[in-house]
PDB file of all heavy atoms in Angstrom:
ATOM      1  N   ALA A   1      28.310 -73.317  86.517  1.00  0.00           N
ATOM      2  CA  ALA A   1      28.511 -72.217  85.562  1.00  0.00           C
ATOM      3  C   ALA A   1      29.891 -71.583  85.736  1.00  0.00           C
ATOM      4  O   ALA A   1      30.534 -71.214  84.748  1.00  0.00           O
ATOM      5  CB  ALA A   1      27.419 -71.157  85.732  1.00  0.00           C
ATOM      6  N   ILE A   2      30.334 -71.461  86.980  1.00  0.00           N
ATOM      7  CA  ILE A   2      31.681 -70.919  87.230  1.00  0.00           C
ATOM      8  C   ILE A   2      32.731 -71.837  86.599  1.00  0.00           C
ATOM      9  O   ILE A   2      33.622 -71.379  85.882  1.00  0.00           O
ATOM     10  CB  ILE A   2      31.927 -70.752  88.749  1.00  0.00           C
ATOM     11  CG1 ILE A   2      31.021 -69.657  89.311  1.00  0.00           C
ATOM     12  CG2 ILE A   2      33.416 -70.425  89.031  1.00  0.00           C
ATOM     13  CD1 ILE A   2      30.992 -69.582  90.831  1.00  0.00           C
ATOM     14  N   GLY A   3      32.596 -73.121  86.853  1.00  0.00           N
ATOM     15  CA  GLY A   3      33.539 -74.085  86.286  1.00  0.00           C
ATOM     16  C   GLY A   3      33.526 -74.086  84.774  1.00  0.00           C
ATOM     17  O   GLY A   3      34.578 -74.097  84.138  1.00  0.00           O
ATOM     18  N   GLN A   4      32.329 -74.051  84.197  1.00  0.00           N
ATOM     19  CA  GLN A   4      32.218 -74.054  82.730  1.00  0.00           C
ATOM     20  C   GLN A   4      32.870 -72.799  82.137  1.00  0.00           C
ATOM     21  O   GLN A   4      33.615 -72.897  81.163  1.00  0.00           O
ATOM     22  CB  GLN A   4      30.760 -74.143  82.310  1.00  0.00           C
ATOM     23  CG  GLN A   4      30.569 -74.220  80.812  1.00  0.00           C
ATOM     24  CD  GLN A   4      29.106 -74.362  80.422  1.00  0.00           C
ATOM     25  OE1 GLN A   4      28.213 -74.070  81.191  1.00  0.00           O
ATOM     26  NE2 GLN A   4      28.879 -74.828  79.206  1.00  0.00           N
ATOM     27  N   HIS A   5      32.605 -71.637  82.714  1.00  0.00           N
ATOM     28  CA  HIS A   5      33.182 -70.386  82.226  1.00  0.00           C
ATOM     29  C   HIS A   5      34.707 -70.429  82.274  1.00  0.00           C
ATOM     30  O   HIS A   5      35.371 -69.964  81.355  1.00  0.00           O
ATOM     31  CB  HIS A   5      32.653 -69.223  83.078  1.00  0.00           C
ATOM     32  CG  HIS A   5      33.137 -67.876  82.642  1.00  0.00           C
ATOM     33  ND1 HIS A   5      32.283 -66.949  82.109  1.00  0.00           N
ATOM     34  CD2 HIS A   5      34.362 -67.288  82.668  1.00  0.00           C
ATOM     35  CE1 HIS A   5      32.963 -65.855  81.808  1.00  0.00           C
ATOM     36  NE2 HIS A   5      34.222 -66.034  82.157  1.00  0.00           N
ATOM     37  N   ALA A   6      35.239 -71.008  83.346  1.00  0.00           N
ATOM     38  CA  ALA A   6      36.686 -71.033  83.558  1.00  0.00           C
ATOM     39  C   ALA A   6      37.355 -72.260  82.939  1.00  0.00           C
ATOM     40  O   ALA A   6      38.578 -72.362  82.950  1.00  0.00           O
ATOM     41  CB  ALA A   6      36.999 -70.979  85.039  1.00  0.00           C
ATOM     42  N   GLY A   7      36.553 -73.172  82.410  1.00  0.00           N
ATOM     43  CA  GLY A   7      37.123 -74.392  81.842  1.00  0.00           C
ATOM     44  C   GLY A   7      37.714 -75.311  82.905  1.00  0.00           C
ATOM     45  O   GLY A   7      38.725 -75.976  82.674  1.00  0.00           O
ATOM     46  N   ILE A   8      37.068 -75.332  84.075  1.00  0.00           N
ATOM     47  CA  ILE A   8      37.531 -76.129  85.211  1.00  0.00           C
ATOM     48  C   ILE A   8      36.405 -77.068  85.630  1.00  0.00           C
ATOM     49  O   ILE A   8      35.247 -76.653  85.710  1.00  0.00           O
ATOM     50  CB  ILE A   8      37.882 -75.209  86.408  1.00  0.00           C
ATOM     51  CG1 ILE A   8      39.039 -74.285  86.051  1.00  0.00           C
ATOM     52  CG2 ILE A   8      38.217 -76.019  87.652  1.00  0.00           C
ATOM     53  CD1 ILE A   8      39.280 -73.198  87.079  1.00  0.00           C
ATOM     54  N   ASP A   9      36.722 -78.298  85.921  1.00  0.00           N
ATOM     55  CA  ASP A   9      35.740 -79.224  86.458  1.00  0.00           C
ATOM     56  C   ASP A   9      35.220 -78.648  87.767  1.00  0.00           C
ATOM     57  O   ASP A   9      35.993 -78.217  88.614  1.00  0.00           O
ATOM     58  CB  ASP A   9      36.391 -80.598  86.696  1.00  0.00           C
ATOM     59  CG  ASP A   9      35.387 -81.636  87.124  1.00  0.00           C
ATOM     60  OD1 ASP A   9      34.856 -81.504  88.253  1.00  0.00           O
ATOM     61  OD2 ASP A   9      35.117 -82.565  86.348  1.00  0.00           O
ATOM     62  N   GLN A  10      33.891 -78.638  87.934  1.00  0.00           N
ATOM     63  CA  GLN A  10      33.324 -78.016  89.132  1.00  0.00           C
ATOM     64  C   GLN A  10      33.816 -78.666  90.422  1.00  0.00           C
ATOM     65  O   GLN A  10      33.798 -78.057  91.473  1.00  0.00           O
ATOM     66  CB  GLN A  10      31.794 -77.985  89.074  1.00  0.00           C
ATOM     67  CG  GLN A  10      31.125 -79.324  89.244  1.00  0.00           C
ATOM     68  CD  GLN A  10      29.607 -79.210  89.176  1.00  0.00           C
ATOM     69  OE1 GLN A  10      29.057 -78.203  88.765  1.00  0.00           O
ATOM     70  NE2 GLN A  10      28.935 -80.265  89.559  1.00  0.00           N
ATOM     71  N   PHE A  11      34.279 -79.905  90.333  1.00  0.00           N
ATOM     72  CA  PHE A  11      34.792 -80.579  91.528  1.00  0.00           C
ATOM     73  C   PHE A  11      36.204 -80.136  91.882  1.00  0.00           C
ATOM     74  O   PHE A  11      36.674 -80.385  92.978  1.00  0.00           O
ATOM     75  CB  PHE A  11      34.691 -82.102  91.354  1.00  0.00           C
ATOM     76  CG  PHE A  11      33.273 -82.553  91.145  1.00  0.00           C
ATOM     77  CD1 PHE A  11      32.830 -82.941  89.900  1.00  0.00           C
ATOM     78  CD2 PHE A  11      32.362 -82.516  92.190  1.00  0.00           C
ATOM     79  CE1 PHE A  11      31.511 -83.321  89.702  1.00  0.00           C
ATOM     80  CE2 PHE A  11      31.041 -82.898  92.009  1.00  0.00           C
ATOM     81  CZ  PHE A  11      30.614 -83.314  90.747  1.00  0.00           C
ATOM     82  N   ASP A  12      36.889 -79.463  90.952  1.00  0.00           N
ATOM     83  CA  ASP A  12      38.216 -78.891  91.209  1.00  0.00           C
ATOM     84  C   ASP A  12      38.121 -77.413  91.588  1.00  0.00           C
ATOM     85  O   ASP A  12      39.123 -76.784  91.917  1.00  0.00           O
ATOM     86  CB  ASP A  12      39.106 -79.014  89.966  1.00  0.00           C
ATOM     87  CG  ASP A  12      39.409 -80.456  89.597  1.00  0.00           C
ATOM     88  OD1 ASP A  12      39.418 -81.304  90.505  1.00  0.00           O
ATOM     89  OD2 ASP A  12      39.627 -80.718  88.400  1.00  0.00           O
ATOM     90  N   LEU A  13      36.916 -76.883  91.530  1.00  0.00           N
ATOM     91  CA  LEU A  13      36.700 -75.451  91.710  1.00  0.00           C
ATOM     92  C   LEU A  13      37.152 -74.938  93.066  1.00  0.00           C
ATOM     93  O   LEU A  13      37.782 -73.882  93.163  1.00  0.00           O
ATOM     94  CB  LEU A  13      35.215 -75.148  91.496  1.00  0.00           C
ATOM     95  CG  LEU A  13      34.817 -73.719  91.250  1.00  0.00           C
ATOM     96  CD1 LEU A  13      35.569 -73.131  90.066  1.00  0.00           C
ATOM     97  CD2 LEU A  13      33.320 -73.652  90.999  1.00  0.00           C
ATOM     98  N   THR A  14      36.863 -75.659  94.137  1.00  0.00           N
ATOM     99  CA  THR A  14      37.215 -75.198  95.481  1.00  0.00           C
ATOM    100  C   THR A  14      38.720 -75.012  95.622  1.00  0.00           C
ATOM    101  O   THR A  14      39.178 -73.972  96.096  1.00  0.00           O
ATOM    102  CB  THR A  14      36.688 -76.181  96.543  1.00  0.00           C
ATOM    103  OG1 THR A  14      35.268 -76.270  96.403  1.00  0.00           O
ATOM    104  CG2 THR A  14      37.021 -75.715  97.947  1.00  0.00           C
ATOM    105  N   GLY A  15      39.485 -75.989  95.190  1.00  0.00           N
ATOM    106  CA  GLY A  15      40.946 -75.890  95.297  1.00  0.00           C
ATOM    107  C   GLY A  15      41.517 -74.801  94.409  1.00  0.00           C
ATOM    108  O   GLY A  15      42.377 -74.028  94.838  1.00  0.00           O
ATOM    109  N   ASP A  16      41.032 -74.722  93.172  1.00  0.00           N
ATOM    110  CA  ASP A  16      41.527 -73.698  92.247  1.00  0.00           C
ATOM    111  C   ASP A  16      41.172 -72.294  92.742  1.00  0.00           C
ATOM    112  O   ASP A  16      41.979 -71.374  92.658  1.00  0.00           O
ATOM    113  CB  ASP A  16      40.949 -73.904  90.843  1.00  0.00           C
ATOM    114  CG  ASP A  16      41.571 -75.093  90.119  1.00  0.00           C
ATOM    115  OD1 ASP A  16      42.533 -75.696  90.657  1.00  0.00           O
ATOM    116  OD2 ASP A  16      41.098 -75.424  89.022  1.00  0.00           O
ATOM    117  N   THR A  17      39.965 -72.148  93.311  1.00  0.00           N
ATOM    118  CA  THR A  17      39.567 -70.847  93.849  1.00  0.00           C
ATOM    119  C   THR A  17      40.416 -70.486  95.058  1.00  0.00           C
ATOM    120  O   THR A  17      40.864 -69.335  95.184  1.00  0.00           O
ATOM    121  CB  THR A  17      38.066 -70.869  94.215  1.00  0.00           C
ATOM    122  OG1 THR A  17      37.301 -71.095  93.028  1.00  0.00           O
ATOM    123  CG2 THR A  17      37.639 -69.540  94.841  1.00  0.00           C
ATOM    124  N   ALA A  18      40.667 -71.435  95.937  1.00  0.00           N
ATOM    125  CA  ALA A  18      41.506 -71.182  97.118  1.00  0.00           C
ATOM    126  C   ALA A  18      42.914 -70.744  96.709  1.00  0.00           C
ATOM    127  O   ALA A  18      43.482 -69.809  97.295  1.00  0.00           O
ATOM    128  CB  ALA A  18      41.568 -72.412  98.013  1.00  0.00           C
ATOM    129  N   ARG A  19      43.468 -71.384  95.679  1.00  0.00           N
ATOM    130  CA  ARG A  19      44.798 -70.993  95.199  1.00  0.00           C
ATOM    131  C   ARG A  19      44.779 -69.574  94.605  1.00  0.00           C
ATOM    132  O   ARG A  19      45.703 -68.796  94.832  1.00  0.00           O
ATOM    133  CB  ARG A  19      45.319 -72.011  94.185  1.00  0.00           C
ATOM    134  CG  ARG A  19      45.823 -73.299  94.850  1.00  0.00           C
ATOM    135  CD  ARG A  19      46.454 -74.273  93.861  1.00  0.00           C
ATOM    136  NE  ARG A  19      45.495 -74.899  92.970  1.00  0.00           N
ATOM    137  CZ  ARG A  19      44.701 -75.926  93.314  1.00  0.00           C
ATOM    138  NH1 ARG A  19      44.773 -76.435  94.536  1.00  0.00           N
ATOM    139  NH2 ARG A  19      43.871 -76.447  92.442  1.00  0.00           N
ATOM    140  N   LEU A  20      43.732 -69.247  93.866  1.00  0.00           N
ATOM    141  CA  LEU A  20      43.618 -67.909  93.282  1.00  0.00           C
ATOM    142  C   LEU A  20      43.484 -66.855  94.386  1.00  0.00           C
ATOM    143  O   LEU A  20      44.125 -65.815  94.335  1.00  0.00           O
ATOM    144  CB  LEU A  20      42.432 -67.839  92.317  1.00  0.00           C
ATOM    145  CG  LEU A  20      42.184 -66.465  91.676  1.00  0.00           C
ATOM    146  CD1 LEU A  20      43.402 -65.985  90.895  1.00  0.00           C
ATOM    147  CD2 LEU A  20      40.944 -66.517  90.795  1.00  0.00           C
ATOM    148  N   ILE A  21      42.666 -67.126  95.388  1.00  0.00           N
ATOM    149  CA  ILE A  21      42.493 -66.199  96.506  1.00  0.00           C
ATOM    150  C   ILE A  21      43.833 -65.948  97.188  1.00  0.00           C
ATOM    151  O   ILE A  21      44.186 -64.806  97.476  1.00  0.00           O
ATOM    152  CB  ILE A  21      41.422 -66.715  97.490  1.00  0.00           C
ATOM    153  CG1 ILE A  21      40.026 -66.559  96.857  1.00  0.00           C
ATOM    154  CG2 ILE A  21      41.496 -66.002  98.829  1.00  0.00           C
ATOM    155  CD1 ILE A  21      38.911 -67.237  97.638  1.00  0.00           C
ATOM    156  N   ALA A  22      44.584 -67.010  97.433  1.00  0.00           N
ATOM    157  CA  ALA A  22      45.887 -66.878  98.087  1.00  0.00           C
ATOM    158  C   ALA A  22      46.857 -66.085  97.205  1.00  0.00           C
ATOM    159  O   ALA A  22      47.546 -65.172  97.689  1.00  0.00           O
ATOM    160  CB  ALA A  22      46.463 -68.246  98.421  1.00  0.00           C
ATOM    161  N   LYS A  23      46.912 -66.398  95.927  1.00  0.00           N
ATOM    162  CA  LYS A  23      47.841 -65.728  95.004  1.00  0.00           C
ATOM    163  C   LYS A  23      47.499 -64.243  94.867  1.00  0.00           C
ATOM    164  O   LYS A  23      48.397 -63.395  94.785  1.00  0.00           O
ATOM    165  CB  LYS A  23      47.798 -66.408  93.634  1.00  0.00           C
ATOM    166  CG  LYS A  23      48.805 -65.860  92.636  1.00  0.00           C
ATOM    167  CD  LYS A  23      48.778 -66.694  91.369  1.00  0.00           C
ATOM    168  CE  LYS A  23      49.729 -66.136  90.319  1.00  0.00           C
ATOM    169  NZ  LYS A  23      49.740 -66.962  89.085  1.00  0.00           N
ATOM    170  N   ALA A  24      46.203 -63.916  94.879  1.00  0.00           N
ATOM    171  CA  ALA A  24      45.757 -62.531  94.741  1.00  0.00           C
ATOM    172  C   ALA A  24      45.868 -61.751  96.053  1.00  0.00           C
ATOM    173  O   ALA A  24      45.663 -60.545  96.054  1.00  0.00           O
ATOM    174  CB  ALA A  24      44.318 -62.489  94.235  1.00  0.00           C
ATOM    175  N   GLU A  25      46.170 -62.469  97.128  1.00  0.00           N
ATOM    176  CA  GLU A  25      46.248 -61.879  98.472  1.00  0.00           C
ATOM    177  C   GLU A  25      44.888 -61.334  98.926  1.00  0.00           C
ATOM    178  O   GLU A  25      44.787 -60.295  99.562  1.00  0.00           O
ATOM    179  CB  GLU A  25      47.349 -60.810  98.542  1.00  0.00           C
ATOM    180  CG  GLU A  25      48.714 -61.384  98.234  1.00  0.00           C
ATOM    181  CD  GLU A  25      49.839 -60.359  98.230  1.00  0.00           C
ATOM    182  OE1 GLU A  25      49.581 -59.149  98.382  1.00  0.00           O
ATOM    183  OE2 GLU A  25      51.002 -60.791  98.087  1.00  0.00           O
ATOM    184  N   ALA A  26      43.848 -62.083  98.577  1.00  0.00           N
ATOM    185  CA  ALA A  26      42.479 -61.740  98.975  1.00  0.00           C
ATOM    186  C   ALA A  26      42.106 -62.491 100.240  1.00  0.00           C
ATOM    187  O   ALA A  26      42.687 -63.530 100.548  1.00  0.00           O
ATOM    188  CB  ALA A  26      41.504 -62.085  97.846  1.00  0.00           C
ATOM    189  N   ASP A  27      41.132 -61.958 100.955  1.00  0.00           N
ATOM    190  CA  ASP A  27      40.653 -62.609 102.170  1.00  0.00           C
ATOM    191  C   ASP A  27      39.551 -63.619 101.880  1.00  0.00           C
ATOM    192  O   ASP A  27      39.355 -64.552 102.646  1.00  0.00           O
ATOM    193  CB  ASP A  27      40.158 -61.570 103.166  1.00  0.00           C
ATOM    194  CG  ASP A  27      41.279 -60.692 103.687  1.00  0.00           C
ATOM    195  OD1 ASP A  27      42.406 -61.204 103.849  1.00  0.00           O
ATOM    196  OD2 ASP A  27      41.028 -59.504 103.936  1.00  0.00           O
ATOM    197  N   ASN A  28      38.798 -63.411 100.793  1.00  0.00           N
ATOM    198  CA  ASN A  28      37.711 -64.307 100.425  1.00  0.00           C
ATOM    199  C   ASN A  28      37.281 -63.948  98.993  1.00  0.00           C
ATOM    200  O   ASN A  28      37.903 -63.096  98.356  1.00  0.00           O
ATOM    201  CB  ASN A  28      36.537 -64.212 101.415  1.00  0.00           C
ATOM    202  CG  ASN A  28      36.042 -62.793 101.610  1.00  0.00           C
ATOM    203  OD1 ASN A  28      36.031 -61.992 100.684  1.00  0.00           O
ATOM    204  ND2 ASN A  28      35.634 -62.480 102.836  1.00  0.00           N
ATOM    205  N   GLU A  29      36.216 -64.592  98.507  1.00  0.00           N
ATOM    206  CA  GLU A  29      35.783 -64.366  97.122  1.00  0.00           C
ATOM    207  C   GLU A  29      35.285 -62.941  96.882  1.00  0.00           C
ATOM    208  O   GLU A  29      35.529 -62.373  95.812  1.00  0.00           O
ATOM    209  CB  GLU A  29      34.705 -65.368  96.737  1.00  0.00           C
ATOM    210  CG  GLU A  29      35.216 -66.785  96.612  1.00  0.00           C
ATOM    211  CD  GLU A  29      34.131 -67.791  96.346  1.00  0.00           C
ATOM    212  OE1 GLU A  29      33.069 -67.414  95.789  1.00  0.00           O
ATOM    213  OE2 GLU A  29      34.314 -68.957  96.682  1.00  0.00           O
ATOM    214  N   ALA A  30      34.594 -62.355  97.847  1.00  0.00           N
ATOM    215  CA  ALA A  30      34.116 -60.980  97.669  1.00  0.00           C
ATOM    216  C   ALA A  30      35.294 -60.008  97.560  1.00  0.00           C
ATOM    217  O   ALA A  30      35.310 -59.114  96.712  1.00  0.00           O
ATOM    218  CB  ALA A  30      33.199 -60.583  98.833  1.00  0.00           C
ATOM    219  N   HIS A  31      36.296 -60.209  98.406  1.00  0.00           N
ATOM    220  CA  HIS A  31      37.504 -59.377  98.360  1.00  0.00           C
ATOM    221  C   HIS A  31      38.252 -59.603  97.054  1.00  0.00           C
ATOM    222  O   HIS A  31      38.841 -58.684  96.482  1.00  0.00           O
ATOM    223  CB  HIS A  31      38.378 -59.697  99.577  1.00  0.00           C
ATOM    224  CG  HIS A  31      39.500 -58.753  99.786  1.00  0.00           C
ATOM    225  ND1 HIS A  31      40.712 -59.156 100.291  1.00  0.00           N
ATOM    226  CD2 HIS A  31      39.623 -57.418  99.567  1.00  0.00           C
ATOM    227  CE1 HIS A  31      41.517 -58.119 100.372  1.00  0.00           C
ATOM    228  NE2 HIS A  31      40.889 -57.054  99.940  1.00  0.00           N
ATOM    229  N   LEU A  32      38.217 -60.838  96.559  1.00  0.00           N
ATOM    230  CA  LEU A  32      38.840 -61.172  95.276  1.00  0.00           C
ATOM    231  C   LEU A  32      38.260 -60.299  94.154  1.00  0.00           C
ATOM    232  O   LEU A  32      38.998 -59.814  93.297  1.00  0.00           O
ATOM    233  CB  LEU A  32      38.627 -62.655  94.961  1.00  0.00           C
ATOM    234  CG  LEU A  32      39.282 -63.207  93.714  1.00  0.00           C
ATOM    235  CD1 LEU A  32      40.800 -63.248  93.862  1.00  0.00           C
ATOM    236  CD2 LEU A  32      38.738 -64.592  93.396  1.00  0.00           C
ATOM    237  N   ILE A  33      36.957 -60.074  94.189  1.00  0.00           N
ATOM    238  CA  ILE A  33      36.322 -59.252  93.151  1.00  0.00           C
ATOM    239  C   ILE A  33      36.825 -57.812  93.249  1.00  0.00           C
ATOM    240  O   ILE A  33      37.167 -57.192  92.251  1.00  0.00           O
ATOM    241  CB  ILE A  33      34.787 -59.318  93.252  1.00  0.00           C
ATOM    242  CG1 ILE A  33      34.278 -60.771  93.132  1.00  0.00           C
ATOM    243  CG2 ILE A  33      34.136 -58.407  92.218  1.00  0.00           C
ATOM    244  CD1 ILE A  33      34.780 -61.525  91.911  1.00  0.00           C
ATOM    245  N   ARG A  34      36.891 -57.275  94.463  1.00  0.00           N
ATOM    246  CA  ARG A  34      37.411 -55.908  94.652  1.00  0.00           C
ATOM    247  C   ARG A  34      38.836 -55.807  94.115  1.00  0.00           C
ATOM    248  O   ARG A  34      39.172 -54.882  93.376  1.00  0.00           O
ATOM    249  CB  ARG A  34      37.362 -55.530  96.124  1.00  0.00           C
ATOM    250  CG  ARG A  34      37.894 -54.134  96.383  1.00  0.00           C
ATOM    251  CD  ARG A  34      37.908 -53.793  97.874  1.00  0.00           C
ATOM    252  NE  ARG A  34      38.252 -52.423  98.060  1.00  0.00           N
ATOM    253  CZ  ARG A  34      37.406 -51.396  98.055  1.00  0.00           C
ATOM    254  NH1 ARG A  34      36.122 -51.607  97.873  1.00  0.00           N
ATOM    255  NH2 ARG A  34      37.828 -50.166  98.216  1.00  0.00           N
ATOM    256  N   LEU A  35      39.674 -56.784  94.475  1.00  0.00           N
ATOM    257  CA  LEU A  35      41.060 -56.757  94.014  1.00  0.00           C
ATOM    258  C   LEU A  35      41.143 -56.953  92.505  1.00  0.00           C
ATOM    259  O   LEU A  35      42.029 -56.395  91.858  1.00  0.00           O
ATOM    260  CB  LEU A  35      41.890 -57.822  94.753  1.00  0.00           C
ATOM    261  CG  LEU A  35      42.134 -57.534  96.228  1.00  0.00           C
ATOM    262  CD1 LEU A  35      42.843 -58.713  96.892  1.00  0.00           C
ATOM    263  CD2 LEU A  35      42.922 -56.244  96.420  1.00  0.00           C
ATOM    264  N   GLY A  36      40.218 -57.705  91.945  1.00  0.00           N
ATOM    265  CA  GLY A  36      40.175 -57.854  90.484  1.00  0.00           C
ATOM    266  C   GLY A  36      40.023 -56.515  89.785  1.00  0.00           C
ATOM    267  O   GLY A  36      40.629 -56.277  88.744  1.00  0.00           O
TER     268      GLY A  36
END
């Protein structure tokens, strides 16, 4: 569902999420939401 919403193949999701976390300067996905 995350991949479909974002238009990303679910198998690319881990890498794309890791890049977003790094770019946002977040520590993890929960912190990413706070920073969002």
